[in-house]
């Protein structure tokens, strides 16, 4: 074990440690790697507080999708606890009224026993790049993560995302080495949004992954691991970007 410090990984909605399996394997020998639990509360603020309480000390924090939203809230609550920040395939904005209406419809379907249908028909088709949409093993694993977490987690996470705050002002105050990464075919959180996020964070590094949708850590693990490896060894945004 090196003295590389801790790497805290935050999954997306209805995902678990399987979302980060390739990263746990790549970095586990050099870093204290943990996967945060973002399933236990109905607000982003409560979820972030729970993660901070169960992972004492300072961490390099990487969050994908909902995990990135939680990571931004963690920065608001305890910036001194975060040494590096990686925001993957995420969204710094509050839900739109249309998105909130969509979540209400999904929650009604799930309460009626339709979790598998919601995951299969409404979420999964939007997750992956074109090249991966016929990858049965990957699709099955995404569905399995959601089904294993179950109806109650879906409801809590939907409520948390529906009421989440806008984080655009928060980005301007992020002072640690920051990576903003997305798949170039991410339709849920598109590349243009990530460009705006990277521009808002002082000297953040932007990385777009080719042939990749929303689940970048599973779709293109080697490319994501390469970007994370560079992020984990940067000492500051300004020096590394200026000397690239």
Protein backbone atom coordinates (compact mmCIF):
# COMPACT_ATOMS: atom_id res chain seq x y z
CA UNK A 1 0.00 0.00 0.00
CA UNK A 2 1.40 3.38 -0.99
CA UNK A 3 0.76 6.62 0.84
CA UNK A 4 -1.56 7.70 -1.97
CA UNK A 5 -4.33 8.53 0.49
CA UNK A 6 -8.02 7.82 0.22
CA UNK A 7 -10.23 7.61 -2.86
CA UNK A 8 -13.95 7.89 -2.17
CA UNK A 9 -16.20 6.80 -5.03
CA UNK A 10 -19.87 7.82 -5.20
CA UNK A 11 -22.21 5.82 -7.47
CA UNK A 12 -25.01 7.13 -9.63
CA UNK A 13 -28.73 6.67 -9.08
CA UNK A 14 -29.68 3.01 -8.63
CA UNK A 15 -26.05 1.94 -8.93
CA UNK A 16 -23.73 0.32 -6.41
CA UNK A 17 -20.03 -0.57 -6.18
CA UNK A 18 -20.30 -2.51 -9.45
CA UNK A 19 -20.34 0.87 -11.21
CA UNK A 20 -16.78 1.41 -9.92
CA UNK A 21 -15.44 -2.15 -10.12
CA UNK A 22 -12.82 -1.37 -12.76
CA UNK A 23 -11.60 1.61 -10.73
CA UNK A 24 -11.48 -0.36 -7.49
CA UNK A 25 -9.31 -2.93 -9.25
CA UNK A 26 -7.07 -0.30 -10.84
CA UNK A 27 -6.46 1.88 -7.78
CA UNK A 28 -7.08 -0.40 -4.82
CA UNK A 29 -3.42 -1.33 -4.37
CA UNK A 30 -2.28 2.29 -4.09
CA UNK A 31 -5.23 4.01 -2.43
CA UNK A 32 -7.65 3.36 0.38
CA UNK A 33 -10.67 2.99 -1.91
CA UNK A 34 -14.19 3.15 -0.55
CA UNK A 35 -17.60 3.35 -2.20
CA UNK A 36 -19.92 5.77 -0.45
CA UNK A 37 -23.52 4.88 0.34
CA UNK A 38 -25.92 7.39 -1.23
CA UNK A 39 -29.09 5.37 -0.65
CA UNK A 40 -30.14 6.35 2.86
CA UNK A 41 -31.87 9.75 2.74
CA UNK A 42 -34.38 11.82 0.78
CA UNK A 43 -32.32 15.00 0.31
CA UNK A 44 -28.92 15.56 -1.23
CA UNK A 45 -27.83 17.48 1.88
CA UNK A 46 -28.67 14.56 4.16
CA UNK A 47 -26.97 12.06 1.86
CA UNK A 48 -23.79 14.14 1.73
CA UNK A 49 -23.77 14.50 5.51
CA UNK A 50 -24.14 10.73 5.90
CA UNK A 51 -21.24 10.07 3.54
CA UNK A 52 -19.04 12.56 5.36
CA UNK A 53 -19.94 11.01 8.71
CA UNK A 54 -19.09 7.47 7.62
CA UNK A 55 -15.82 8.38 5.88
CA UNK A 56 -13.78 10.43 8.35
CA UNK A 57 -10.68 12.28 7.26
CA UNK A 58 -9.70 13.78 3.92
CA UNK A 59 -10.48 12.19 0.54
CA UNK A 60 -10.12 12.46 -3.18
CA UNK A 61 -13.80 12.29 -4.13
CA UNK A 62 -15.12 11.04 -7.47
CA UNK A 63 -18.83 10.97 -8.16
CA UNK A 64 -20.75 9.86 -11.23
CA UNK A 65 -24.17 11.29 -12.07
CA UNK A 66 -26.09 11.48 -8.76
CA UNK A 67 -22.76 10.74 -7.08
CA UNK A 68 -21.35 13.92 -8.62
CA UNK A 69 -24.33 15.89 -7.31
CA UNK A 70 -23.63 14.50 -3.83
CA UNK A 71 -19.93 15.35 -4.24
CA UNK A 72 -20.77 18.99 -4.99
CA UNK A 73 -22.90 19.09 -1.84
CA UNK A 74 -20.03 17.57 0.14
CA UNK A 75 -17.85 20.42 -1.06
CA UNK A 76 -20.45 22.90 0.19
CA UNK A 77 -20.59 21.22 3.58
CA UNK A 78 -16.94 20.38 4.18
CA UNK A 79 -14.49 21.64 1.54
CA UNK A 80 -11.59 21.06 3.93
CA UNK A 81 -12.32 17.31 3.75
CA UNK A 82 -11.91 17.10 -0.04
CA UNK A 83 -8.39 17.14 -1.50
CA UNK A 84 -9.43 16.43 -5.11
CA UNK A 85 -12.78 16.36 -6.89
CA UNK A 86 -13.82 14.41 -9.99
CA UNK A 87 -17.27 15.06 -11.46
CA UNK A 88 -18.25 12.39 -13.97
CA UNK A 89 -21.33 12.46 -16.21
CA UNK A 90 -23.21 14.71 -13.81
CA UNK A 91 -25.32 17.85 -13.63
CA UNK A 92 -24.73 21.03 -11.66
CA UNK A 93 -28.27 22.33 -12.13
CA UNK A 94 -31.52 21.80 -10.27
CA UNK A 95 -34.24 19.70 -11.85
CA UNK A 96 -36.41 21.47 -14.41
CA UNK A 97 -40.20 21.40 -13.93
CA UNK A 98 -40.40 18.92 -16.81
CA UNK A 99 -37.85 16.65 -15.16
CA UNK A 100 -39.69 16.81 -11.85
CA UNK A 101 -42.90 15.80 -13.61
CA UNK A 102 -41.07 12.88 -15.21
CA UNK A 103 -39.78 11.76 -11.81
CA UNK A 104 -43.31 11.93 -10.38
CA UNK A 105 -44.55 9.66 -13.17
CA UNK A 106 -41.68 7.24 -12.63
CA UNK A 107 -42.29 7.11 -8.88
CA UNK A 108 -45.97 6.35 -9.47
CA UNK A 109 -45.01 3.49 -11.76
CA UNK A 110 -42.50 2.12 -9.26
CA UNK A 111 -45.02 2.30 -6.40
CA UNK A 112 -47.37 0.27 -8.57
CA UNK A 113 -44.74 -2.48 -8.84
CA UNK A 114 -43.09 -1.32 -12.04
CA UNK A 115 -39.46 -0.87 -10.95
CA UNK A 116 -38.09 -3.33 -13.50
CA UNK A 117 -40.09 -1.72 -16.28
CA UNK A 118 -38.93 1.78 -15.34
CA UNK A 119 -35.31 0.67 -15.19
CA UNK A 120 -35.54 -1.33 -18.39
CA UNK A 121 -37.63 0.93 -20.58
CA UNK A 122 -37.01 4.46 -19.34
CA UNK A 123 -33.51 4.56 -17.86
CA UNK A 124 -31.32 1.97 -19.54
CA UNK A 125 -31.81 3.08 -23.16
CA UNK A 126 -30.49 6.52 -22.21
CA UNK A 127 -27.42 5.27 -20.38
CA UNK A 128 -25.16 3.83 -23.04
CA UNK A 129 -23.35 4.91 -26.20
CA UNK A 130 -24.54 3.44 -29.49
CA UNK A 131 -21.69 0.96 -29.62
CA UNK A 132 -22.72 -0.50 -26.23
CA UNK A 133 -26.50 -0.70 -26.59
CA UNK A 134 -26.36 -4.33 -27.70
CA UNK A 135 -23.95 -5.32 -24.91
CA UNK A 136 -26.28 -7.71 -23.10
CA UNK A 137 -23.91 -8.37 -20.21
CA UNK A 138 -23.48 -4.67 -19.49
CA UNK A 139 -27.20 -3.98 -19.79
CA UNK A 140 -28.03 -6.88 -17.50
CA UNK A 141 -25.55 -5.65 -14.89
CA UNK A 142 -27.07 -2.16 -14.94
CA UNK A 143 -30.53 -3.67 -14.45
CA UNK A 144 -29.27 -5.96 -11.69
CA UNK A 145 -27.81 -3.04 -9.73
CA UNK A 146 -31.14 -1.23 -9.80
CA UNK A 147 -33.22 -4.27 -8.93
CA UNK A 148 -30.90 -5.20 -6.06
CA UNK A 149 -31.26 -1.71 -4.56
CA UNK A 150 -35.03 -1.90 -4.89
CA UNK A 151 -38.13 0.24 -4.74
CA UNK A 152 -37.44 2.14 -1.52
CA UNK A 153 -34.03 3.33 -2.70
CA UNK A 154 -35.54 4.40 -6.02
CA UNK A 155 -38.09 6.51 -4.19
CA UNK A 156 -35.56 8.12 -1.83
CA UNK A 157 -33.09 8.90 -4.58
CA UNK A 158 -35.81 10.27 -6.87
CA UNK A 159 -37.02 12.61 -4.11
CA UNK A 160 -33.46 13.73 -3.41
CA UNK A 161 -32.75 14.50 -7.05
CA UNK A 162 -36.10 16.19 -7.53
CA UNK A 163 -35.40 18.66 -4.71
CA UNK A 164 -31.67 19.13 -5.25
CA UNK A 165 -30.18 22.62 -5.21
CA UNK A 166 -28.55 24.37 -8.13
CA UNK A 167 -24.77 24.05 -7.79
CA UNK A 168 -23.55 26.53 -10.39
CA UNK A 169 -22.38 29.07 -7.80
CA UNK A 170 -20.70 26.31 -5.83
CA UNK A 171 -18.48 25.43 -8.78
CA UNK A 172 -16.90 28.87 -8.79
CA UNK A 173 -15.47 28.28 -5.32
CA UNK A 174 -13.94 24.85 -5.89
CA UNK A 175 -10.23 25.25 -5.24
CA UNK A 176 -8.83 21.70 -5.36
CA UNK A 177 -7.56 19.79 -8.43
CA UNK A 178 -10.74 19.00 -10.33
CA UNK A 179 -11.57 16.69 -13.22
CA UNK A 180 -14.79 17.12 -15.20
CA UNK A 181 -15.36 14.02 -17.34
CA UNK A 182 -18.17 12.77 -19.54
CA UNK A 183 -18.91 10.39 -22.35
CA UNK A 184 -19.15 12.09 -25.71
CA UNK A 185 -22.55 10.39 -26.24
CA UNK A 186 -23.97 11.12 -22.80
CA UNK A 187 -27.54 12.21 -23.51
CA UNK A 188 -28.60 12.52 -19.87
CA UNK A 189 -25.79 14.93 -18.94
CA UNK A 190 -24.41 16.08 -22.30
CA UNK A 191 -20.88 17.26 -23.10
CA UNK A 192 -21.96 20.90 -23.51
CA UNK A 193 -23.07 20.93 -19.88
CA UNK A 194 -19.71 19.57 -18.77
CA UNK A 195 -17.87 22.23 -20.76
CA UNK A 196 -19.84 24.87 -18.88
CA UNK A 197 -19.03 23.18 -15.58
CA UNK A 198 -15.32 23.00 -16.36
CA UNK A 199 -15.29 26.67 -17.37
CA UNK A 200 -16.96 27.62 -14.08
CA UNK A 201 -14.43 25.77 -11.90
CA UNK A 202 -11.11 27.64 -11.71
CA UNK A 203 -8.63 25.79 -13.95
CA UNK A 204 -10.52 22.49 -13.98
CA UNK A 205 -9.48 19.79 -16.46
CA UNK A 206 -12.15 18.68 -18.95
CA UNK A 207 -12.09 15.19 -20.44
CA UNK A 208 -14.51 13.75 -23.02
CA UNK A 209 -14.44 9.98 -23.55
CA UNK A 210 -15.08 8.66 -27.07
CA UNK A 211 -17.71 5.99 -27.80
CA UNK A 212 -19.11 6.48 -24.32
CA UNK A 213 -22.48 7.33 -22.84
CA UNK A 214 -23.59 8.08 -19.30
CA UNK A 215 -21.97 5.14 -17.50
CA UNK A 216 -18.40 6.00 -18.42
CA UNK A 217 -16.73 3.94 -15.68
CA UNK A 218 -18.32 0.76 -17.06
CA UNK A 219 -18.41 1.60 -20.77
CA UNK A 220 -14.82 2.79 -21.20
CA UNK A 221 -13.00 1.81 -17.98
CA UNK A 222 -9.45 2.06 -19.36
CA UNK A 223 -9.94 5.60 -20.65
CA UNK A 224 -11.62 6.68 -17.43
CA UNK A 225 -8.86 5.09 -15.34
CA UNK A 226 -6.23 6.96 -17.33
CA UNK A 227 -7.99 10.27 -16.67
CA UNK A 228 -8.42 9.46 -12.99
CA UNK A 229 -4.75 8.46 -12.67
CA UNK A 230 -3.67 11.86 -13.97
CA UNK A 231 -6.12 13.63 -11.67
CA UNK A 232 -4.90 11.72 -8.63
CA UNK A 233 -1.31 12.82 -9.19
CA UNK A 234 -1.93 16.50 -9.96
CA UNK A 235 -0.88 18.89 -7.23
CA UNK A 236 -2.94 21.82 -8.48
CA UNK A 237 -5.17 22.73 -11.39
CA UNK A 238 -3.27 25.85 -12.37
CA UNK A 239 0.25 24.43 -12.55
CA UNK A 240 -0.65 21.28 -14.41
CA UNK A 241 -2.90 22.96 -16.94
CA UNK A 242 -0.38 25.68 -17.67
CA UNK A 243 2.45 23.18 -18.09
CA UNK A 244 0.56 20.67 -20.20
